[in-house]
Every structure is written in C-alpha cells, then in structure tokens.
C-alpha cells in the first residue's frame, strides 16, 4: 500500500486506495468463512475436525466461493489484478 502510494505512477493514490479496498474485502471474506467453520466445529481450528463436519452442499458451495474469492484477491488473479 505504501509503496504504491509513494512510488506509484500518476494515479498512485487511486491505485493504493483500490489495492487497500480489494485486500480488505478479501481478508474479511476469508475471516467470515474461517469464523463460520470455527463455530460450526465447536471451537476448533483442527483441519481434521473441519473435514468431518456434516455440511450441506449449499454451505460447502458458499464456503468454496468465499475462499475462492478471497484467494483470488490475495494471489492476485486476472480479473481482480488491475
């Protein structure tokens, strides 16, 4: 964020702000998915416990898309890497 804002091109403030908002959105989306799994598993961050959770197909799809969108921003994949 700071590197973009200080040494960026002519629209560096816009780019830095956009980078901050995208990163914030991706982080919050991942946080919501992780908190949901934490509470659903009874307060555990154990992957094996999460693997054994009886989640409906709809819930699994929502969690998948939440993690996919969050990692798309974090990695940066094509449509969110402007």
PDB file of N, CA and C in Angstrom:
ATOM      1  N   UNK A   1       0.825  -1.181   0.000  1.00  0.00           N
ATOM      2  CA  UNK A   1       0.000   0.000   0.000  1.00  0.00           C
ATOM      3  C   UNK A   1       0.873   1.250   0.000  1.00  0.00           C
ATOM      4  N   UNK A   2       1.820   1.297   0.889  1.00  0.00           N
ATOM      5  CA  UNK A   2       2.688   2.469   0.998  1.00  0.00           C
ATOM      6  C   UNK A   2       3.588   2.591  -0.231  1.00  0.00           C
ATOM      7  N   UNK A   3       4.112   1.472  -0.703  1.00  0.00           N
ATOM      8  CA  UNK A   3       4.980   1.508  -1.885  1.00  0.00           C
ATOM      9  C   UNK A   3       4.205   2.035  -3.089  1.00  0.00           C
ATOM     10  N   UNK A   4       2.971   1.594  -3.255  1.00  0.00           N
ATOM     11  CA  UNK A   4       2.151   2.079  -4.364  1.00  0.00           C
ATOM     12  C   UNK A   4       1.863   3.567  -4.185  1.00  0.00           C
ATOM     13  N   UNK A   5       1.505   3.967  -2.973  1.00  0.00           N
ATOM     14  CA  UNK A   5       1.148   5.356  -2.714  1.00  0.00           C
ATOM     15  C   UNK A   5       2.313   6.328  -2.842  1.00  0.00           C
ATOM     16  N   UNK A   6       3.524   5.880  -2.538  1.00  0.00           N
ATOM     17  CA  UNK A   6       4.679   6.776  -2.578  1.00  0.00           C
ATOM     18  C   UNK A   6       5.359   6.754  -3.943  1.00  0.00           C
ATOM     19  N   UNK A   7       5.623   5.559  -4.478  1.00  0.00           N
ATOM     20  CA  UNK A   7       6.411   5.450  -5.700  1.00  0.00           C
ATOM     21  C   UNK A   7       5.609   5.014  -6.923  1.00  0.00           C
ATOM     22  N   UNK A   8       4.288   5.054  -6.849  1.00  0.00           N
ATOM     23  CA  UNK A   8       3.466   4.640  -7.974  1.00  0.00           C
ATOM     24  C   UNK A   8       3.469   5.649  -9.100  1.00  0.00           C
ATOM     25  N   UNK A   9       2.673   5.386 -10.098  1.00  0.00           N
ATOM     26  CA  UNK A   9       2.586   6.253 -11.269  1.00  0.00           C
ATOM     27  C   UNK A   9       1.742   7.492 -10.995  1.00  0.00           C
ATOM     28  N   UNK A  10       1.230   8.094 -12.059  1.00  0.00           N
ATOM     29  CA  UNK A  10       0.467   9.326 -11.894  1.00  0.00           C
ATOM     30  C   UNK A  10      -0.848   9.159 -11.122  1.00  0.00           C
ATOM     31  N   UNK A  11      -1.444   7.977 -11.157  1.00  0.00           N
ATOM     32  CA  UNK A  11      -2.700   7.726 -10.422  1.00  0.00           C
ATOM     33  C   UNK A  11      -2.429   6.848  -9.207  1.00  0.00           C
ATOM     34  N   UNK A  12      -1.350   7.098  -8.518  1.00  0.00           N
ATOM     35  CA  UNK A  12      -0.916   6.232  -7.427  1.00  0.00           C
ATOM     36  C   UNK A  12      -1.855   6.248  -6.227  1.00  0.00           C
ATOM     37  N   UNK A  13      -2.467   7.369  -5.910  1.00  0.00           N
ATOM     38  CA  UNK A  13      -3.384   7.425  -4.771  1.00  0.00           C
ATOM     39  C   UNK A  13      -4.615   6.571  -5.053  1.00  0.00           C
ATOM     40  N   UNK A  14      -5.139   6.674  -6.256  1.00  0.00           N
ATOM     41  CA  UNK A  14      -6.282   5.848  -6.658  1.00  0.00           C
ATOM     42  C   UNK A  14      -5.913   4.369  -6.607  1.00  0.00           C
ATOM     43  N   UNK A  15      -4.740   4.027  -7.129  1.00  0.00           N
ATOM     44  CA  UNK A  15      -4.301   2.627  -7.146  1.00  0.00           C
ATOM     45  C   UNK A  15      -4.083   2.103  -5.728  1.00  0.00           C
ATOM     46  N   UNK A  16      -3.498   2.901  -4.865  1.00  0.00           N
ATOM     47  CA  UNK A  16      -3.250   2.475  -3.487  1.00  0.00           C
ATOM     48  C   UNK A  16      -4.562   2.273  -2.736  1.00  0.00           C
ATOM     49  N   UNK A  17      -5.513   3.173  -2.947  1.00  0.00           N
ATOM     50  CA  UNK A  17      -6.813   3.040  -2.287  1.00  0.00           C
ATOM     51  C   UNK A  17      -7.557   1.807  -2.789  1.00  0.00           C
ATOM     52  N   UNK A  18      -7.523   1.569  -4.086  1.00  0.00           N
ATOM     53  CA  UNK A  18      -8.164   0.395  -4.672  1.00  0.00           C
ATOM     54  C   UNK A  18      -7.510  -0.893  -4.152  1.00  0.00           C
ATOM     55  N   UNK A  19      -6.189  -0.905  -4.066  1.00  0.00           N
ATOM     56  CA  UNK A  19      -5.463  -2.052  -3.522  1.00  0.00           C
ATOM     57  C   UNK A  19      -5.887  -2.311  -2.080  1.00  0.00           C
ATOM     58  N   UNK A  20      -5.985  -1.255  -1.292  1.00  0.00           N
ATOM     59  CA  UNK A  20      -6.395  -1.391   0.105  1.00  0.00           C
ATOM     60  C   UNK A  20      -7.801  -1.970   0.213  1.00  0.00           C
ATOM     61  N   UNK A  21      -8.745  -1.463  -0.582  1.00  0.00           N
ATOM     62  CA  UNK A  21     -10.120  -1.951  -0.513  1.00  0.00           C
ATOM     63  C   UNK A  21     -10.237  -3.406  -0.963  1.00  0.00           C
ATOM     64  N   UNK A  22      -9.550  -3.776  -2.038  1.00  0.00           N
ATOM     65  CA  UNK A  22      -9.583  -5.167  -2.507  1.00  0.00           C
ATOM     66  C   UNK A  22      -9.001  -6.103  -1.448  1.00  0.00           C
ATOM     67  N   UNK A  23      -7.881  -5.720  -0.873  1.00  0.00           N
ATOM     68  CA  UNK A  23      -7.246  -6.560   0.140  1.00  0.00           C
ATOM     69  C   UNK A  23      -8.131  -6.684   1.377  1.00  0.00           C
ATOM     70  N   UNK A  24      -8.758  -5.589   1.774  1.00  0.00           N
ATOM     71  CA  UNK A  24      -9.657  -5.612   2.924  1.00  0.00           C
ATOM     72  C   UNK A  24     -10.843  -6.531   2.664  1.00  0.00           C
ATOM     73  N   UNK A  25     -11.442  -6.414   1.485  1.00  0.00           N
ATOM     74  CA  UNK A  25     -12.588  -7.262   1.143  1.00  0.00           C
ATOM     75  C   UNK A  25     -12.200  -8.740   1.132  1.00  0.00           C
ATOM     76  N   UNK A  26     -11.068  -9.063   0.531  1.00  0.00           N
ATOM     77  CA  UNK A  26     -10.610 -10.451   0.512  1.00  0.00           C
ATOM     78  C   UNK A  26     -10.331 -10.984   1.904  1.00  0.00           C
ATOM     79  N   UNK A  27      -9.731 -10.176   2.739  1.00  0.00           N
ATOM     80  CA  UNK A  27      -9.420 -10.603   4.106  1.00  0.00           C
ATOM     81  C   UNK A  27     -10.691 -10.811   4.920  1.00  0.00           C
ATOM     82  N   UNK A  28     -11.648  -9.911   4.791  1.00  0.00           N
ATOM     83  CA  UNK A  28     -12.895 -10.049   5.544  1.00  0.00           C
ATOM     84  C   UNK A  28     -13.693 -11.261   5.087  1.00  0.00           C
ATOM     85  N   UNK A  29     -13.693 -11.525   3.796  1.00  0.00           N
ATOM     86  CA  UNK A  29     -14.400 -12.690   3.279  1.00  0.00           C
ATOM     87  C   UNK A  29     -13.789 -13.986   3.822  1.00  0.00           C
ATOM     88  N   UNK A  30     -12.472 -14.045   3.842  1.00  0.00           N
ATOM     89  CA  UNK A  30     -11.803 -15.224   4.381  1.00  0.00           C
ATOM     90  C   UNK A  30     -12.055 -15.343   5.888  1.00  0.00           C
ATOM     91  N   UNK A  31     -12.036 -14.228   6.581  1.00  0.00           N
ATOM     92  CA  UNK A  31     -12.279 -14.241   8.022  1.00  0.00           C
ATOM     93  C   UNK A  31     -13.677 -14.754   8.345  1.00  0.00           C
ATOM     94  N   UNK A  32     -14.664 -14.316   7.587  1.00  0.00           N
ATOM     95  CA  UNK A  32     -16.039 -14.782   7.809  1.00  0.00           C
ATOM     96  C   UNK A  32     -16.139 -16.286   7.598  1.00  0.00           C
ATOM     97  N   UNK A  33     -15.529 -16.802   6.544  1.00  0.00           N
ATOM     98  CA  UNK A  33     -15.564 -18.243   6.276  1.00  0.00           C
ATOM     99  C   UNK A  33     -14.857 -19.023   7.381  1.00  0.00           C
ATOM    100  N   UNK A  34     -13.719 -18.525   7.844  1.00  0.00           N
ATOM    101  CA  UNK A  34     -12.986 -19.221   8.911  1.00  0.00           C
ATOM    102  C   UNK A  34     -13.743 -19.180  10.237  1.00  0.00           C
ATOM    103  N   UNK A  35     -14.357 -18.061  10.554  1.00  0.00           N
ATOM    104  CA  UNK A  35     -15.143 -17.966  11.792  1.00  0.00           C
ATOM    105  C   UNK A  35     -16.347 -18.899  11.724  1.00  0.00           C
ATOM    106  N   UNK A  36     -16.989 -18.987  10.560  1.00  0.00           N
ATOM    107  CA  UNK A  36     -18.113 -19.909  10.411  1.00  0.00           C
ATOM    108  C   UNK A  36     -17.664 -21.347  10.674  1.00  0.00           C
ATOM    109  N   UNK A  37     -16.556 -21.764  10.076  1.00  0.00           N
ATOM    110  CA  UNK A  37     -16.057 -23.124  10.295  1.00  0.00           C
ATOM    111  C   UNK A  37     -15.639 -23.334  11.744  1.00  0.00           C
ATOM    112  N   UNK A  38     -15.071 -22.325  12.366  1.00  0.00           N
ATOM    113  CA  UNK A  38     -14.657 -22.423  13.766  1.00  0.00           C
ATOM    114  C   UNK A  38     -15.856 -22.699  14.671  1.00  0.00           C
ATOM    115  N   UNK A  39     -16.919 -21.920  14.506  1.00  0.00           N
ATOM    116  CA  UNK A  39     -18.097 -22.117  15.355  1.00  0.00           C
ATOM    117  C   UNK A  39     -18.851 -23.392  15.013  1.00  0.00           C
ATOM    118  N   UNK A  40     -18.880 -23.738  13.741  1.00  0.00           N
ATOM    119  CA  UNK A  40     -19.571 -24.963  13.327  1.00  0.00           C
ATOM    120  C   UNK A  40     -18.882 -26.209  13.886  1.00  0.00           C
ATOM    121  N   UNK A  41     -17.547 -26.141  14.083  1.00  0.00           N
ATOM    122  CA  UNK A  41     -16.798 -27.288  14.584  1.00  0.00           C
ATOM    123  C   UNK A  41     -16.726 -27.314  16.112  1.00  0.00           C
ATOM    124  N   UNK A  42     -17.387 -26.393  16.765  1.00  0.00           N
ATOM    125  CA  UNK A  42     -17.375 -26.396  18.223  1.00  0.00           C
ATOM    126  C   UNK A  42     -16.163 -25.691  18.812  1.00  0.00           C
ATOM    127  N   UNK A  43     -15.571 -24.783  18.089  1.00  0.00           N
ATOM    128  CA  UNK A  43     -14.439 -24.012  18.604  1.00  0.00           C
ATOM    129  C   UNK A  43     -13.093 -24.642  18.337  1.00  0.00           C
ATOM    130  N   UNK A  44     -12.911 -25.185  17.157  1.00  0.00           N
ATOM    131  CA  UNK A  44     -11.656 -25.837  16.820  1.00  0.00           C
ATOM    132  C   UNK A  44     -11.143 -25.336  15.473  1.00  0.00           C
ATOM    133  N   UNK A  45      -9.827 -25.193  15.388  1.00  0.00           N
ATOM    134  CA  UNK A  45      -9.193 -24.871  14.115  1.00  0.00           C
ATOM    135  C   UNK A  45      -8.513 -26.097  13.521  1.00  0.00           C
ATOM    136  N   UNK A  46      -8.855 -27.274  14.014  1.00  0.00           N
ATOM    137  CA  UNK A  46      -8.257 -28.509  13.546  1.00  0.00           C
ATOM    138  C   UNK A  46      -8.834 -28.890  12.181  1.00  0.00           C
ATOM    139  N   UNK A  47      -7.957 -29.063  11.217  1.00  0.00           N
ATOM    140  CA  UNK A  47      -8.387 -29.383   9.845  1.00  0.00           C
ATOM    141  C   UNK A  47      -9.125 -30.717   9.802  1.00  0.00           C
ATOM    142  N   UNK A  48      -8.693 -31.686  10.573  1.00  0.00           N
ATOM    143  CA  UNK A  48      -9.349 -32.995  10.576  1.00  0.00           C
ATOM    144  C   UNK A  48     -10.779 -32.854  11.094  1.00  0.00           C
ATOM    145  N   UNK A  49     -10.977 -32.029  12.109  1.00  0.00           N
ATOM    146  CA  UNK A  49     -12.318 -31.786  12.635  1.00  0.00           C
ATOM    147  C   UNK A  49     -13.183 -31.107  11.575  1.00  0.00           C
ATOM    148  N   UNK A  50     -12.603 -30.149  10.851  1.00  0.00           N
ATOM    149  CA  UNK A  50     -13.352 -29.477   9.792  1.00  0.00           C
ATOM    150  C   UNK A  50     -13.707 -30.451   8.676  1.00  0.00           C
ATOM    151  N   UNK A  51     -12.809 -31.379   8.400  1.00  0.00           N
ATOM    152  CA  UNK A  51     -13.051 -32.355   7.329  1.00  0.00           C
ATOM    153  C   UNK A  51     -14.240 -33.257   7.667  1.00  0.00           C
ATOM    154  N   UNK A  52     -14.467 -33.502   8.931  1.00  0.00           N
ATOM    155  CA  UNK A  52     -15.547 -34.400   9.360  1.00  0.00           C
ATOM    156  C   UNK A  52     -16.873 -33.680   9.596  1.00  0.00           C
ATOM    157  N   UNK A  53     -16.923 -32.375   9.378  1.00  0.00           N
ATOM    158  CA  UNK A  53     -18.167 -31.631   9.601  1.00  0.00           C
ATOM    159  C   UNK A  53     -19.246 -32.043   8.606  1.00  0.00           C
ATOM    160  N   UNK A  54     -20.461 -32.261   9.093  1.00  0.00           N
ATOM    161  CA  UNK A  54     -21.563 -32.579   8.172  1.00  0.00           C
ATOM    162  C   UNK A  54     -22.165 -31.292   7.604  1.00  0.00           C
ATOM    163  N   UNK A  55     -21.586 -30.794   6.529  1.00  0.00           N
ATOM    164  CA  UNK A  55     -22.067 -29.559   5.918  1.00  0.00           C
ATOM    165  C   UNK A  55     -22.916 -29.886   4.694  1.00  0.00           C
ATOM    166  N   UNK A  56     -23.977 -29.103   4.520  1.00  0.00           N
ATOM    167  CA  UNK A  56     -24.823 -29.315   3.346  1.00  0.00           C
ATOM    168  C   UNK A  56     -24.080 -28.871   2.087  1.00  0.00           C
ATOM    169  N   UNK A  57     -24.565 -29.303   0.945  1.00  0.00           N
ATOM    170  CA  UNK A  57     -23.947 -28.937  -0.326  1.00  0.00           C
ATOM    171  C   UNK A  57     -23.990 -27.424  -0.539  1.00  0.00           C
ATOM    172  N   UNK A  58     -25.083 -26.806  -0.139  1.00  0.00           N
ATOM    173  CA  UNK A  58     -25.215 -25.357  -0.273  1.00  0.00           C
ATOM    174  C   UNK A  58     -24.160 -24.629   0.579  1.00  0.00           C
ATOM    175  N   UNK A  59     -23.973 -25.073   1.801  1.00  0.00           N
ATOM    176  CA  UNK A  59     -22.973 -24.472   2.686  1.00  0.00           C
ATOM    177  C   UNK A  59     -21.572 -24.682   2.139  1.00  0.00           C
ATOM    178  N   UNK A  60     -21.299 -25.872   1.637  1.00  0.00           N
ATOM    179  CA  UNK A  60     -19.988 -26.143   1.050  1.00  0.00           C
ATOM    180  C   UNK A  60     -19.726 -25.238  -0.148  1.00  0.00           C
ATOM    181  N   UNK A  61     -20.739 -25.041  -0.973  1.00  0.00           N
ATOM    182  CA  UNK A  61     -20.578 -24.174  -2.146  1.00  0.00           C
ATOM    183  C   UNK A  61     -20.317 -22.729  -1.723  1.00  0.00           C
ATOM    184  N   UNK A  62     -21.041 -22.239  -0.721  1.00  0.00           N
ATOM    185  CA  UNK A  62     -20.813 -20.873  -0.238  1.00  0.00           C
ATOM    186  C   UNK A  62     -19.413 -20.710   0.346  1.00  0.00           C
ATOM    187  N   UNK A  63     -18.971 -21.699   1.112  1.00  0.00           N
ATOM    188  CA  UNK A  63     -17.616 -21.633   1.671  1.00  0.00           C
ATOM    189  C   UNK A  63     -16.568 -21.700   0.561  1.00  0.00           C
ATOM    190  N   UNK A  64     -16.797 -22.542  -0.434  1.00  0.00           N
ATOM    191  CA  UNK A  64     -15.857 -22.624  -1.546  1.00  0.00           C
ATOM    192  C   UNK A  64     -15.732 -21.286  -2.255  1.00  0.00           C
ATOM    193  N   UNK A  65     -16.868 -20.663  -2.578  1.00  0.00           N
ATOM    194  CA  UNK A  65     -16.817 -19.397  -3.296  1.00  0.00           C
ATOM    195  C   UNK A  65     -16.245 -18.275  -2.432  1.00  0.00           C
ATOM    196  N   UNK A  66     -16.472 -18.339  -1.117  1.00  0.00           N
ATOM    197  CA  UNK A  66     -15.872 -17.343  -0.225  1.00  0.00           C
ATOM    198  C   UNK A  66     -14.354 -17.478  -0.228  1.00  0.00           C
ATOM    199  N   UNK A  67     -13.849 -18.699  -0.088  1.00  0.00           N
ATOM    200  CA  UNK A  67     -12.395 -18.899  -0.122  1.00  0.00           C
ATOM    201  C   UNK A  67     -11.825 -18.614  -1.511  1.00  0.00           C
ATOM    202  N   UNK A  68     -12.548 -19.000  -2.558  1.00  0.00           N
ATOM    203  CA  UNK A  68     -12.078 -18.742  -3.911  1.00  0.00           C
ATOM    204  C   UNK A  68     -11.948 -17.245  -4.173  1.00  0.00           C
ATOM    205  N   UNK A  69     -12.959 -16.487  -3.788  1.00  0.00           N
ATOM    206  CA  UNK A  69     -12.911 -15.033  -3.992  1.00  0.00           C
ATOM    207  C   UNK A  69     -11.811 -14.401  -3.143  1.00  0.00           C
ATOM    208  N   UNK A  70     -11.681 -14.857  -1.901  1.00  0.00           N
ATOM    209  CA  UNK A  70     -10.647 -14.302  -1.025  1.00  0.00           C
ATOM    210  C   UNK A  70      -9.252 -14.590  -1.560  1.00  0.00           C
ATOM    211  N   UNK A  71      -9.012 -15.812  -1.984  1.00  0.00           N
ATOM    212  CA  UNK A  71      -7.687 -16.147  -2.525  1.00  0.00           C
ATOM    213  C   UNK A  71      -7.460 -15.528  -3.904  1.00  0.00           C
ATOM    214  N   UNK A  72      -8.531 -15.287  -4.664  1.00  0.00           N
ATOM    215  CA  UNK A  72      -8.380 -14.605  -5.948  1.00  0.00           C
ATOM    216  C   UNK A  72      -7.843 -13.199  -5.750  1.00  0.00           C
ATOM    217  N   UNK A  73      -8.282 -12.547  -4.699  1.00  0.00           N
ATOM    218  CA  UNK A  73      -7.773 -11.215  -4.385  1.00  0.00           C
ATOM    219  C   UNK A  73      -6.366 -11.313  -3.821  1.00  0.00           C
ATOM    220  N   UNK A  74      -6.140 -12.268  -2.949  1.00  0.00           N
ATOM    221  CA  UNK A  74      -4.846 -12.379  -2.280  1.00  0.00           C
ATOM    222  C   UNK A  74      -3.731 -12.801  -3.233  1.00  0.00           C
ATOM    223  N   UNK A  75      -4.052 -13.655  -4.213  1.00  0.00           N
ATOM    224  CA  UNK A  75      -2.991 -14.214  -5.063  1.00  0.00           C
ATOM    225  C   UNK A  75      -2.471 -13.225  -6.100  1.00  0.00           C
ATOM    226  N   UNK A  76      -2.924 -12.397  -6.670  1.00  0.00           N
ATOM    227  CA  UNK A  76      -3.961 -11.733  -7.433  1.00  0.00           C
ATOM    228  C   UNK A  76      -4.230 -12.389  -8.784  1.00  0.00           C
ATOM    229  N   UNK A  77      -5.405 -12.893  -8.934  1.00  0.00           N
ATOM    230  CA  UNK A  77      -5.810 -13.492 -10.196  1.00  0.00           C
ATOM    231  C   UNK A  77      -6.272 -12.413 -11.173  1.00  0.00           C
ATOM    232  N   UNK A  78      -6.444 -12.783 -12.405  1.00  0.00           N
ATOM    233  CA  UNK A  78      -6.648 -11.839 -13.502  1.00  0.00           C
ATOM    234  C   UNK A  78      -7.738 -10.777 -13.280  1.00  0.00           C
ATOM    235  N   UNK A  79      -9.001 -11.115 -13.033  1.00  0.00           N
ATOM    236  CA  UNK A  79      -9.963 -10.005 -13.036  1.00  0.00           C
ATOM    237  C   UNK A  79      -9.784  -9.024 -11.869  1.00  0.00           C
ATOM    238  N   UNK A  80      -9.195  -9.473 -10.770  1.00  0.00           N
ATOM    239  CA  UNK A  80      -9.020  -8.562  -9.628  1.00  0.00           C
ATOM    240  C   UNK A  80      -7.616  -7.985  -9.572  1.00  0.00           C
ATOM    241  N   UNK A  81      -6.767  -8.341 -10.518  1.00  0.00           N
ATOM    242  CA  UNK A  81      -5.406  -7.793 -10.579  1.00  0.00           C
ATOM    243  C   UNK A  81      -5.382  -6.725 -11.658  1.00  0.00           C
ATOM    244  N   UNK A  82      -5.762  -5.518 -11.249  1.00  0.00           N
ATOM    245  CA  UNK A  82      -5.871  -4.452 -12.261  1.00  0.00           C
ATOM    246  C   UNK A  82      -4.636  -3.609 -12.233  1.00  0.00           C
TER     247      UNK A  82
END
